[in-house]
Amino acid sequence: MSNQSKQLEGAAEELGGKVKGGIGKVIGNDQMRAEGKARELEGKAKQEAAKAAERTKGKKDEVVGAAKNRVGAFLDNERLEAEGRAQELNGEDRQVRNSPSRH
């Protein structure tokens, strides 16, 4: 399962937990409310785990791309340099898109 799928699954679980908790609150069922909150938190945890995996992949791409960029510059190979820079930028972007504060 891809990290994006895991994020979507976590978001669905979080939403389902909010709904269940809300229904439990409305009907005065504390157990249902607690189960909903637990499910909501599990969903959030799944999303954060998937984001962390994406940040790790982004960091790897950033480092490998930077190295490729530098080697290309050293060898005066514009194609290698450009490919490295593109990979480096994609890695940085992947990290930003999956930062802990973004929802």
PDB file of N, CA and C in Angstrom:
ATOM      1  N   MET A   1       0.849  -1.167   0.000  1.00  0.00           N
ATOM      2  CA  MET A   1       0.000   0.000   0.000  1.00  0.00           C
ATOM      3  C   MET A   1       0.897   1.233   0.000  1.00  0.00           C
ATOM      4  N   SER A   2       0.592   2.182  -0.854  1.00  0.00           N
ATOM      5  CA  SER A   2       1.404   3.393  -0.934  1.00  0.00           C
ATOM      6  C   SER A   2       1.160   4.289   0.279  1.00  0.00           C
ATOM      7  N   ASN A   3       2.103   5.182   0.513  1.00  0.00           N
ATOM      8  CA  ASN A   3       1.954   6.111   1.641  1.00  0.00           C
ATOM      9  C   ASN A   3       0.748   7.025   1.436  1.00  0.00           C
ATOM     10  N   GLN A   4       0.465   7.373   0.185  1.00  0.00           N
ATOM     11  CA  GLN A   4      -0.708   8.210  -0.081  1.00  0.00           C
ATOM     12  C   GLN A   4      -1.979   7.452   0.292  1.00  0.00           C
ATOM     13  N   SER A   5      -2.039   6.171  -0.043  1.00  0.00           N
ATOM     14  CA  SER A   5      -3.196   5.352   0.329  1.00  0.00           C
ATOM     15  C   SER A   5      -3.327   5.258   1.846  1.00  0.00           C
ATOM     16  N   LYS A   6      -2.180   5.119   2.520  1.00  0.00           N
ATOM     17  CA  LYS A   6      -2.194   5.048   3.986  1.00  0.00           C
ATOM     18  C   LYS A   6      -2.685   6.363   4.582  1.00  0.00           C
ATOM     19  N   GLN A   7      -2.285   7.482   3.976  1.00  0.00           N
ATOM     20  CA  GLN A   7      -2.760   8.775   4.462  1.00  0.00           C
ATOM     21  C   GLN A   7      -4.268   8.894   4.284  1.00  0.00           C
ATOM     22  N   LEU A   8      -4.771   8.469   3.131  1.00  0.00           N
ATOM     23  CA  LEU A   8      -6.213   8.530   2.876  1.00  0.00           C
ATOM     24  C   LEU A   8      -6.978   7.604   3.813  1.00  0.00           C
ATOM     25  N   GLU A   9      -6.440   6.422   4.050  1.00  0.00           N
ATOM     26  CA  GLU A   9      -7.067   5.490   4.985  1.00  0.00           C
ATOM     27  C   GLU A   9      -7.121   6.089   6.386  1.00  0.00           C
ATOM     28  N   GLY A  10      -6.020   6.714   6.789  1.00  0.00           N
ATOM     29  CA  GLY A  10      -5.982   7.355   8.099  1.00  0.00           C
ATOM     30  C   GLY A  10      -6.971   8.499   8.203  1.00  0.00           C
ATOM     31  N   ALA A  11      -7.100   9.283   7.126  1.00  0.00           N
ATOM     32  CA  ALA A  11      -8.049  10.395   7.124  1.00  0.00           C
ATOM     33  C   ALA A  11      -9.480   9.882   7.231  1.00  0.00           C
ATOM     34  N   ALA A  12      -9.774   8.787   6.525  1.00  0.00           N
ATOM     35  CA  ALA A  12     -11.112   8.195   6.596  1.00  0.00           C
ATOM     36  C   ALA A  12     -11.394   7.674   8.000  1.00  0.00           C
ATOM     37  N   GLU A  13     -10.397   7.042   8.596  1.00  0.00           N
ATOM     38  CA  GLU A  13     -10.561   6.516   9.954  1.00  0.00           C
ATOM     39  C   GLU A  13     -10.753   7.661  10.952  1.00  0.00           C
ATOM     40  N   GLU A  14      -9.993   8.735  10.765  1.00  0.00           N
ATOM     41  CA  GLU A  14     -10.145   9.905  11.639  1.00  0.00           C
ATOM     42  C   GLU A  14     -11.559  10.469  11.528  1.00  0.00           C
ATOM     43  N   LEU A  15     -12.042  10.627  10.299  1.00  0.00           N
ATOM     44  CA  LEU A  15     -13.382  11.169  10.083  1.00  0.00           C
ATOM     45  C   LEU A  15     -14.445  10.251  10.675  1.00  0.00           C
ATOM     46  N   GLY A  16     -14.287   8.935  10.449  1.00  0.00           N
ATOM     47  CA  GLY A  16     -15.242   7.979  11.020  1.00  0.00           C
ATOM     48  C   GLY A  16     -15.276   8.054  12.536  1.00  0.00           C
ATOM     49  N   GLY A  17     -14.108   8.239  13.131  1.00  0.00           N
ATOM     50  CA  GLY A  17     -14.041   8.371  14.585  1.00  0.00           C
ATOM     51  C   GLY A  17     -14.730   9.637  15.076  1.00  0.00           C
ATOM     52  N   LYS A  18     -14.549  10.730  14.332  1.00  0.00           N
ATOM     53  CA  LYS A  18     -15.223  11.979  14.714  1.00  0.00           C
ATOM     54  C   LYS A  18     -16.740  11.810  14.656  1.00  0.00           C
ATOM     55  N   VAL A  19     -17.202  11.153  13.599  1.00  0.00           N
ATOM     56  CA  VAL A  19     -18.644  10.934  13.449  1.00  0.00           C
ATOM     57  C   VAL A  19     -19.168  10.068  14.590  1.00  0.00           C
ATOM     58  N   LYS A  20     -18.471   8.958  14.843  1.00  0.00           N
ATOM     59  CA  LYS A  20     -18.913   8.055  15.908  1.00  0.00           C
ATOM     60  C   LYS A  20     -18.903   8.770  17.261  1.00  0.00           C
ATOM     61  N   GLY A  21     -17.839   9.524  17.523  1.00  0.00           N
ATOM     62  CA  GLY A  21     -17.766  10.273  18.778  1.00  0.00           C
ATOM     63  C   GLY A  21     -18.873  11.306  18.899  1.00  0.00           C
ATOM     64  N   GLY A  22     -19.172  11.965  17.781  1.00  0.00           N
ATOM     65  CA  GLY A  22     -20.248  12.962  17.781  1.00  0.00           C
ATOM     66  C   GLY A  22     -21.600  12.339  18.047  1.00  0.00           C
ATOM     67  N   ILE A  23     -21.838  11.204  17.433  1.00  0.00           N
ATOM     68  CA  ILE A  23     -23.112  10.503  17.668  1.00  0.00           C
ATOM     69  C   ILE A  23     -23.194  10.064  19.120  1.00  0.00           C
ATOM     70  N   GLY A  24     -22.085   9.539  19.641  1.00  0.00           N
ATOM     71  CA  GLY A  24     -22.065   9.133  21.051  1.00  0.00           C
ATOM     72  C   GLY A  24     -22.362  10.293  21.979  1.00  0.00           C
ATOM     73  N   LYS A  25     -21.838  11.469  21.637  1.00  0.00           N
ATOM     74  CA  LYS A  25     -22.093  12.660  22.465  1.00  0.00           C
ATOM     75  C   LYS A  25     -23.569  13.047  22.411  1.00  0.00           C
ATOM     76  N   VAL A  26     -24.124  13.032  21.191  1.00  0.00           N
ATOM     77  CA  VAL A  26     -25.524  13.434  21.014  1.00  0.00           C
ATOM     78  C   VAL A  26     -26.480  12.508  21.759  1.00  0.00           C
ATOM     79  N   ILE A  27     -26.212  11.198  21.686  1.00  0.00           N
ATOM     80  CA  ILE A  27     -27.142  10.259  22.336  1.00  0.00           C
ATOM     81  C   ILE A  27     -26.758   9.949  23.786  1.00  0.00           C
ATOM     82  N   GLY A  28     -25.670  10.565  24.257  1.00  0.00           N
ATOM     83  CA  GLY A  28     -25.273  10.381  25.654  1.00  0.00           C
ATOM     84  C   GLY A  28     -24.619   9.043  25.944  1.00  0.00           C
ATOM     85  N   ASN A  29     -23.962   8.456  24.934  1.00  0.00           N
ATOM     86  CA  ASN A  29     -23.307   7.160  25.104  1.00  0.00           C
ATOM     87  C   ASN A  29     -21.805   7.392  25.233  1.00  0.00           C
ATOM     88  N   ASP A  30     -21.320   7.357  26.475  1.00  0.00           N
ATOM     89  CA  ASP A  30     -19.907   7.644  26.742  1.00  0.00           C
ATOM     90  C   ASP A  30     -18.965   6.622  26.106  1.00  0.00           C
ATOM     91  N   GLN A  31     -19.379   5.347  26.082  1.00  0.00           N
ATOM     92  CA  GLN A  31     -18.529   4.314  25.478  1.00  0.00           C
ATOM     93  C   GLN A  31     -18.369   4.581  23.978  1.00  0.00           C
ATOM     94  N   MET A  32     -19.448   4.902  23.300  1.00  0.00           N
ATOM     95  CA  MET A  32     -19.397   5.193  21.869  1.00  0.00           C
ATOM     96  C   MET A  32     -18.543   6.427  21.612  1.00  0.00           C
ATOM     97  N   ARG A  33     -18.688   7.391  22.483  1.00  0.00           N
ATOM     98  CA  ARG A  33     -17.891   8.621  22.362  1.00  0.00           C
ATOM     99  C   ARG A  33     -16.394   8.317  22.507  1.00  0.00           C
ATOM    100  N   ALA A  34     -16.038   7.489  23.481  1.00  0.00           N
ATOM    101  CA  ALA A  34     -14.637   7.126  23.719  1.00  0.00           C
ATOM    102  C   ALA A  34     -14.088   6.287  22.562  1.00  0.00           C
ATOM    103  N   GLU A  35     -14.896   5.362  22.054  1.00  0.00           N
ATOM    104  CA  GLU A  35     -14.466   4.552  20.910  1.00  0.00           C
ATOM    105  C   GLU A  35     -14.226   5.434  19.685  1.00  0.00           C
ATOM    106  N   GLY A  36     -15.086   6.419  19.502  1.00  0.00           N
ATOM    107  CA  GLY A  36     -14.922   7.345  18.384  1.00  0.00           C
ATOM    108  C   GLY A  36     -13.641   8.148  18.513  1.00  0.00           C
ATOM    109  N   LYS A  37     -13.353   8.614  19.721  1.00  0.00           N
ATOM    110  CA  LYS A  37     -12.123   9.380  19.953  1.00  0.00           C
ATOM    111  C   LYS A  37     -10.895   8.506  19.706  1.00  0.00           C
ATOM    112  N   ALA A  38     -10.938   7.258  20.156  1.00  0.00           N
ATOM    113  CA  ALA A  38      -9.816   6.336  19.941  1.00  0.00           C
ATOM    114  C   ALA A  38      -9.596   6.106  18.448  1.00  0.00           C
ATOM    115  N   ARG A  39     -10.663   5.907  17.710  1.00  0.00           N
ATOM    116  CA  ARG A  39     -10.563   5.695  16.264  1.00  0.00           C
ATOM    117  C   ARG A  39     -10.025   6.940  15.562  1.00  0.00           C
ATOM    118  N   GLU A  40     -10.480   8.092  16.011  1.00  0.00           N
ATOM    119  CA  GLU A  40      -9.991   9.360  15.455  1.00  0.00           C
ATOM    120  C   GLU A  40      -8.481   9.494  15.654  1.00  0.00           C
ATOM    121  N   LEU A  41      -8.006   9.191  16.840  1.00  0.00           N
ATOM    122  CA  LEU A  41      -6.578   9.281  17.140  1.00  0.00           C
ATOM    123  C   LEU A  41      -5.762   8.245  16.368  1.00  0.00           C
ATOM    124  N   GLU A  42      -6.311   7.052  16.188  1.00  0.00           N
ATOM    125  CA  GLU A  42      -5.629   6.036  15.376  1.00  0.00           C
ATOM    126  C   GLU A  42      -5.482   6.514  13.935  1.00  0.00           C
ATOM    127  N   GLY A  43      -6.516   7.144  13.422  1.00  0.00           N
ATOM    128  CA  GLY A  43      -6.463   7.678  12.064  1.00  0.00           C
ATOM    129  C   GLY A  43      -5.405   8.758  11.922  1.00  0.00           C
ATOM    130  N   LYS A  44      -5.321   9.636  12.907  1.00  0.00           N
ATOM    131  CA  LYS A  44      -4.296  10.681  12.881  1.00  0.00           C
ATOM    132  C   LYS A  44      -2.901  10.068  12.931  1.00  0.00           C
ATOM    133  N   ALA A  45      -2.724   9.045  13.753  1.00  0.00           N
ATOM    134  CA  ALA A  45      -1.421   8.390  13.872  1.00  0.00           C
ATOM    135  C   ALA A  45      -1.016   7.732  12.552  1.00  0.00           C
ATOM    136  N   LYS A  46      -1.962   7.098  11.865  1.00  0.00           N
ATOM    137  CA  LYS A  46      -1.672   6.486  10.564  1.00  0.00           C
ATOM    138  C   LYS A  46      -1.231   7.544   9.555  1.00  0.00           C
ATOM    139  N   GLN A  47      -1.904   8.673   9.569  1.00  0.00           N
ATOM    140  CA  GLN A  47      -1.547   9.746   8.644  1.00  0.00           C
ATOM    141  C   GLN A  47      -0.135  10.261   8.924  1.00  0.00           C
ATOM    142  N   GLU A  48       0.180  10.451  10.184  1.00  0.00           N
ATOM    143  CA  GLU A  48       1.507  10.964  10.540  1.00  0.00           C
ATOM    144  C   GLU A  48       2.609   9.965  10.214  1.00  0.00           C
ATOM    145  N   ALA A  49       2.337   8.673  10.384  1.00  0.00           N
ATOM    146  CA  ALA A  49       3.330   7.655  10.039  1.00  0.00           C
ATOM    147  C   ALA A  49       3.602   7.660   8.533  1.00  0.00           C
ATOM    148  N   ALA A  50       2.553   7.787   7.743  1.00  0.00           N
ATOM    149  CA  ALA A  50       2.713   7.827   6.283  1.00  0.00           C
ATOM    150  C   ALA A  50       3.469   9.088   5.862  1.00  0.00           C
ATOM    151  N   LYS A  51       3.181  10.202   6.509  1.00  0.00           N
ATOM    152  CA  LYS A  51       3.890  11.448   6.200  1.00  0.00           C
ATOM    153  C   LYS A  51       5.370  11.330   6.559  1.00  0.00           C
ATOM    154  N   ALA A  52       5.671  10.685   7.671  1.00  0.00           N
ATOM    155  CA  ALA A  52       7.066  10.517   8.078  1.00  0.00           C
ATOM    156  C   ALA A  52       7.826   9.676   7.053  1.00  0.00           C
ATOM    157  N   ALA A  53       7.184   8.642   6.538  1.00  0.00           N
ATOM    158  CA  ALA A  53       7.823   7.811   5.512  1.00  0.00           C
ATOM    159  C   ALA A  53       8.077   8.629   4.244  1.00  0.00           C
ATOM    160  N   GLU A  54       7.140   9.482   3.881  1.00  0.00           N
ATOM    161  CA  GLU A  54       7.318  10.334   2.711  1.00  0.00           C
ATOM    162  C   GLU A  54       8.439  11.356   2.927  1.00  0.00           C
ATOM    163  N   ARG A  55       8.537  11.893   4.134  1.00  0.00           N
ATOM    164  CA  ARG A  55       9.623  12.836   4.424  1.00  0.00           C
ATOM    165  C   ARG A  55      10.981  12.147   4.304  1.00  0.00           C
ATOM    166  N   THR A  56      11.051  10.897   4.756  1.00  0.00           N
ATOM    167  CA  THR A  56      12.294  10.133   4.652  1.00  0.00           C
ATOM    168  C   THR A  56      12.676   9.935   3.191  1.00  0.00           C
ATOM    169  N   LYS A  57      11.722   9.566   2.364  1.00  0.00           N
ATOM    170  CA  LYS A  57      11.983   9.408   0.931  1.00  0.00           C
ATOM    171  C   LYS A  57      12.408  10.736   0.316  1.00  0.00           C
ATOM    172  N   GLY A  58      11.764  11.806   0.740  1.00  0.00           N
ATOM    173  CA  GLY A  58      12.122  13.131   0.234  1.00  0.00           C
ATOM    174  C   GLY A  58      13.541  13.521   0.611  1.00  0.00           C
ATOM    175  N   LYS A  59      13.948  13.223   1.832  1.00  0.00           N
ATOM    176  CA  LYS A  59      15.306  13.549   2.273  1.00  0.00           C
ATOM    177  C   LYS A  59      16.329  12.761   1.466  1.00  0.00           C
ATOM    178  N   LYS A  60      16.043  11.478   1.206  1.00  0.00           N
ATOM    179  CA  LYS A  60      16.942  10.655   0.398  1.00  0.00           C
ATOM    180  C   LYS A  60      17.079  11.253  -1.003  1.00  0.00           C
ATOM    181  N   ASP A  61      15.960  11.620  -1.610  1.00  0.00           N
ATOM    182  CA  ASP A  61      16.007  12.228  -2.944  1.00  0.00           C
ATOM    183  C   ASP A  61      16.785  13.538  -2.932  1.00  0.00           C
ATOM    184  N   GLU A  62      16.603  14.319  -1.890  1.00  0.00           N
ATOM    185  CA  GLU A  62      17.315  15.586  -1.780  1.00  0.00           C
ATOM    186  C   GLU A  62      18.829  15.361  -1.718  1.00  0.00           C
ATOM    187  N   VAL A  63      19.252  14.423  -0.885  1.00  0.00           N
ATOM    188  CA  VAL A  63      20.687  14.157  -0.709  1.00  0.00           C
ATOM    189  C   VAL A  63      21.296  13.558  -1.979  1.00  0.00           C
ATOM    190  N   VAL A  64      20.626  12.570  -2.553  1.00  0.00           N
ATOM    191  CA  VAL A  64      21.136  11.943  -3.782  1.00  0.00           C
ATOM    192  C   VAL A  64      21.161  12.963  -4.917  1.00  0.00           C
ATOM    193  N   GLY A  65      20.110  13.760  -5.026  1.00  0.00           N
ATOM    194  CA  GLY A  65      20.059  14.784  -6.067  1.00  0.00           C
ATOM    195  C   GLY A  65      21.149  15.826  -5.914  1.00  0.00           C
ATOM    196  N   ALA A  66      21.411  16.227  -4.683  1.00  0.00           N
ATOM    197  CA  ALA A  66      22.470  17.211  -4.436  1.00  0.00           C
ATOM    198  C   ALA A  66      23.828  16.650  -4.843  1.00  0.00           C
ATOM    199  N   ALA A  67      24.054  15.376  -4.513  1.00  0.00           N
ATOM    200  CA  ALA A  67      25.325  14.747  -4.892  1.00  0.00           C
ATOM    201  C   ALA A  67      25.454  14.655  -6.409  1.00  0.00           C
ATOM    202  N   LYS A  68      24.371  14.247  -7.059  1.00  0.00           N
ATOM    203  CA  LYS A  68      24.379  14.143  -8.519  1.00  0.00           C
ATOM    204  C   LYS A  68      24.609  15.516  -9.154  1.00  0.00           C
ATOM    205  N   ASN A  69      23.993  16.532  -8.592  1.00  0.00           N
ATOM    206  CA  ASN A  69      24.163  17.918  -9.062  1.00  0.00           C
ATOM    207  C   ASN A  69      25.633  18.328  -8.967  1.00  0.00           C
ATOM    208  N   ARG A  70      26.240  18.057  -7.835  1.00  0.00           N
ATOM    209  CA  ARG A  70      27.643  18.448  -7.629  1.00  0.00           C
ATOM    210  C   ARG A  70      28.601  17.679  -8.551  1.00  0.00           C
ATOM    211  N   VAL A  71      28.333  16.380  -8.707  1.00  0.00           N
ATOM    212  CA  VAL A  71      29.166  15.575  -9.605  1.00  0.00           C
ATOM    213  C   VAL A  71      29.024  16.094 -11.035  1.00  0.00           C
ATOM    214  N   GLY A  72      27.793  16.414 -11.444  1.00  0.00           N
ATOM    215  CA  GLY A  72      27.570  16.960 -12.777  1.00  0.00           C
ATOM    216  C   GLY A  72      28.307  18.268 -12.981  1.00  0.00           C
ATOM    217  N   ALA A  73      28.297  19.112 -11.952  1.00  0.00           N
ATOM    218  CA  ALA A  73      29.014  20.389 -12.041  1.00  0.00           C
ATOM    219  C   ALA A  73      30.519  20.149 -12.129  1.00  0.00           C
ATOM    220  N   PHE A  74      31.016  19.217 -11.342  1.00  0.00           N
ATOM    221  CA  PHE A  74      32.443  18.912 -11.342  1.00  0.00           C
ATOM    222  C   PHE A  74      32.893  18.364 -12.697  1.00  0.00           C
ATOM    223  N   LEU A  75      32.060  17.501 -13.281  1.00  0.00           N
ATOM    224  CA  LEU A  75      32.394  16.888 -14.572  1.00  0.00           C
ATOM    225  C   LEU A  75      32.002  17.764 -15.763  1.00  0.00           C
ATOM    226  N   ASP A  76      31.411  18.916 -15.474  1.00  0.00           N
ATOM    227  CA  ASP A  76      30.902  19.821 -16.507  1.00  0.00           C
ATOM    228  C   ASP A  76      29.877  19.105 -17.396  1.00  0.00           C
ATOM    229  N   ASN A  77      29.023  18.317 -16.742  1.00  0.00           N
ATOM    230  CA  ASN A  77      27.970  17.563 -17.416  1.00  0.00           C
ATOM    231  C   ASN A  77      26.643  18.231 -17.056  1.00  0.00           C
ATOM    232  N   GLU A  78      26.159  19.082 -17.931  1.00  0.00           N
ATOM    233  CA  GLU A  78      24.960  19.874 -17.641  1.00  0.00           C
ATOM    234  C   GLU A  78      23.725  19.003 -17.435  1.00  0.00           C
ATOM    235  N   ARG A  79      23.632  17.908 -18.189  1.00  0.00           N
ATOM    236  CA  ARG A  79      22.463  17.023 -18.052  1.00  0.00           C
ATOM    237  C   ARG A  79      22.446  16.394 -16.661  1.00  0.00           C
ATOM    238  N   LEU A  80      23.566  15.848 -16.220  1.00  0.00           N
ATOM    239  CA  LEU A  80      23.648  15.235 -14.898  1.00  0.00           C
ATOM    240  C   LEU A  80      23.391  16.274 -13.810  1.00  0.00           C
ATOM    241  N   GLU A  81      23.930  17.450 -13.999  1.00  0.00           N
ATOM    242  CA  GLU A  81      23.728  18.531 -13.043  1.00  0.00           C
ATOM    243  C   GLU A  81      22.242  18.898 -12.951  1.00  0.00           C
ATOM    244  N   ALA A  82      21.578  19.013 -14.104  1.00  0.00           N
ATOM    245  CA  ALA A  82      20.155  19.374 -14.127  1.00  0.00           C
ATOM    246  C   ALA A  82      19.287  18.270 -13.523  1.00  0.00           C
ATOM    247  N   GLU A  83      19.598  17.019 -13.849  1.00  0.00           N
ATOM    248  CA  GLU A  83      18.849  15.902 -13.267  1.00  0.00           C
ATOM    249  C   GLU A  83      18.999  15.875 -11.750  1.00  0.00           C
ATOM    250  N   GLY A  84      20.216  16.118 -11.292  1.00  0.00           N
ATOM    251  CA  GLY A  84      20.466  16.144  -9.856  1.00  0.00           C
ATOM    252  C   GLY A  84      19.704  17.262  -9.172  1.00  0.00           C
ATOM    253  N   ARG A  85      19.724  18.433  -9.782  1.00  0.00           N
ATOM    254  CA  ARG A  85      19.011  19.578  -9.189  1.00  0.00           C
ATOM    255  C   ARG A  85      17.510  19.313  -9.146  1.00  0.00           C
ATOM    256  N   ALA A  86      16.979  18.719 -10.217  1.00  0.00           N
ATOM    257  CA  ALA A  86      15.546  18.400 -10.242  1.00  0.00           C
ATOM    258  C   ALA A  86      15.193  17.397  -9.145  1.00  0.00           C
ATOM    259  N   GLN A  87      16.024  16.375  -8.983  1.00  0.00           N
ATOM    260  CA  GLN A  87      15.780  15.378  -7.942  1.00  0.00           C
ATOM    261  C   GLN A  87      15.880  16.009  -6.556  1.00  0.00           C
ATOM    262  N   GLU A  88      16.841  16.880  -6.397  1.00  0.00           N
ATOM    263  CA  GLU A  88      17.022  17.572  -5.119  1.00  0.00           C
ATOM    264  C   GLU A  88      15.781  18.412  -4.792  1.00  0.00           C
ATOM    265  N   LEU A  89      15.294  19.163  -5.763  1.00  0.00           N
ATOM    266  CA  LEU A  89      14.106  20.005  -5.549  1.00  0.00           C
ATOM    267  C   LEU A  89      12.864  19.171  -5.287  1.00  0.00           C
ATOM    268  N   ASN A  90      12.724  18.059  -6.010  1.00  0.00           N
ATOM    269  CA  ASN A  90      11.579  17.175  -5.770  1.00  0.00           C
ATOM    270  C   ASN A  90      11.617  16.607  -4.360  1.00  0.00           C
ATOM    271  N   GLY A  91      12.808  16.252  -3.890  1.00  0.00           N
ATOM    272  CA  GLY A  91      12.946  15.746  -2.531  1.00  0.00           C
ATOM    273  C   GLY A  91      12.572  16.791  -1.492  1.00  0.00           C
ATOM    274  N   GLU A  92      13.025  18.027  -1.713  1.00  0.00           N
ATOM    275  CA  GLU A  92      12.678  19.112  -0.788  1.00  0.00           C
ATOM    276  C   GLU A  92      11.169  19.332  -0.775  1.00  0.00           C
ATOM    277  N   ASP A  93      10.556  19.316  -1.953  1.00  0.00           N
ATOM    278  CA  ASP A  93       9.113  19.520  -2.049  1.00  0.00           C
ATOM    279  C   ASP A  93       8.348  18.404  -1.341  1.00  0.00           C
ATOM    280  N   ARG A  94       8.807  17.165  -1.508  1.00  0.00           N
ATOM    281  CA  ARG A  94       8.155  16.023  -0.870  1.00  0.00           C
ATOM    282  C   ARG A  94       8.192  16.176   0.652  1.00  0.00           C
ATOM    283  N   GLN A  95       9.280  16.693   1.161  1.00  0.00           N
ATOM    284  CA  GLN A  95       9.390  16.896   2.605  1.00  0.00           C
ATOM    285  C   GLN A  95       8.422  17.981   3.083  1.00  0.00           C
ATOM    286  N   VAL A  96       8.344  19.066   2.331  1.00  0.00           N
ATOM    287  CA  VAL A  96       7.457  20.173   2.716  1.00  0.00           C
ATOM    288  C   VAL A  96       5.997  19.742   2.667  1.00  0.00           C
ATOM    289  N   ARG A  97       5.620  19.019   1.585  1.00  0.00           N
ATOM    290  CA  ARG A  97       4.234  18.576   1.453  1.00  0.00           C
ATOM    291  C   ARG A  97       3.810  17.615   2.550  1.00  0.00           C
ATOM    292  N   ASN A  98       4.751  16.968   3.190  1.00  0.00           N
ATOM    293  CA  ASN A  98       4.438  15.983   4.218  1.00  0.00           C
ATOM    294  C   ASN A  98       4.916  16.410   5.598  1.00  0.00           C
ATOM    295  N   SER A  99       5.080  17.706   5.786  1.00  0.00           N
ATOM    296  CA  SER A  99       5.523  18.199   7.091  1.00  0.00           C
ATOM    297  C   SER A  99       4.443  17.934   8.129  1.00  0.00           C
ATOM    298  N   PRO A 100       4.817  17.768   9.384  1.00  0.00           N
ATOM    299  CA  PRO A 100       3.853  17.425  10.435  1.00  0.00           C
ATOM    300  C   PRO A 100       2.727  18.444  10.598  1.00  0.00           C
ATOM    301  N   SER A 101       2.978  19.690  10.288  1.00  0.00           N
ATOM    302  CA  SER A 101       1.959  20.714  10.523  1.00  0.00           C
ATOM    303  C   SER A 101       0.927  20.822   9.410  1.00  0.00           C
ATOM    304  N   ARG A 102       1.167  20.164   8.265  1.00  0.00           N
ATOM    305  CA  ARG A 102       0.237  20.239   7.125  1.00  0.00           C
ATOM    306  C   ARG A 102      -0.817  19.151   7.249  1.00  0.00           C
ATOM    307  N   HIS A 103      -2.068  19.530   6.918  1.00  0.00           N
ATOM    308  CA  HIS A 103      -3.185  18.532   6.925  1.00  0.00           C
ATOM    309  C   HIS A 103      -3.798  18.462   5.570  1.00  0.00           C
TER     310      HIS A 103
END
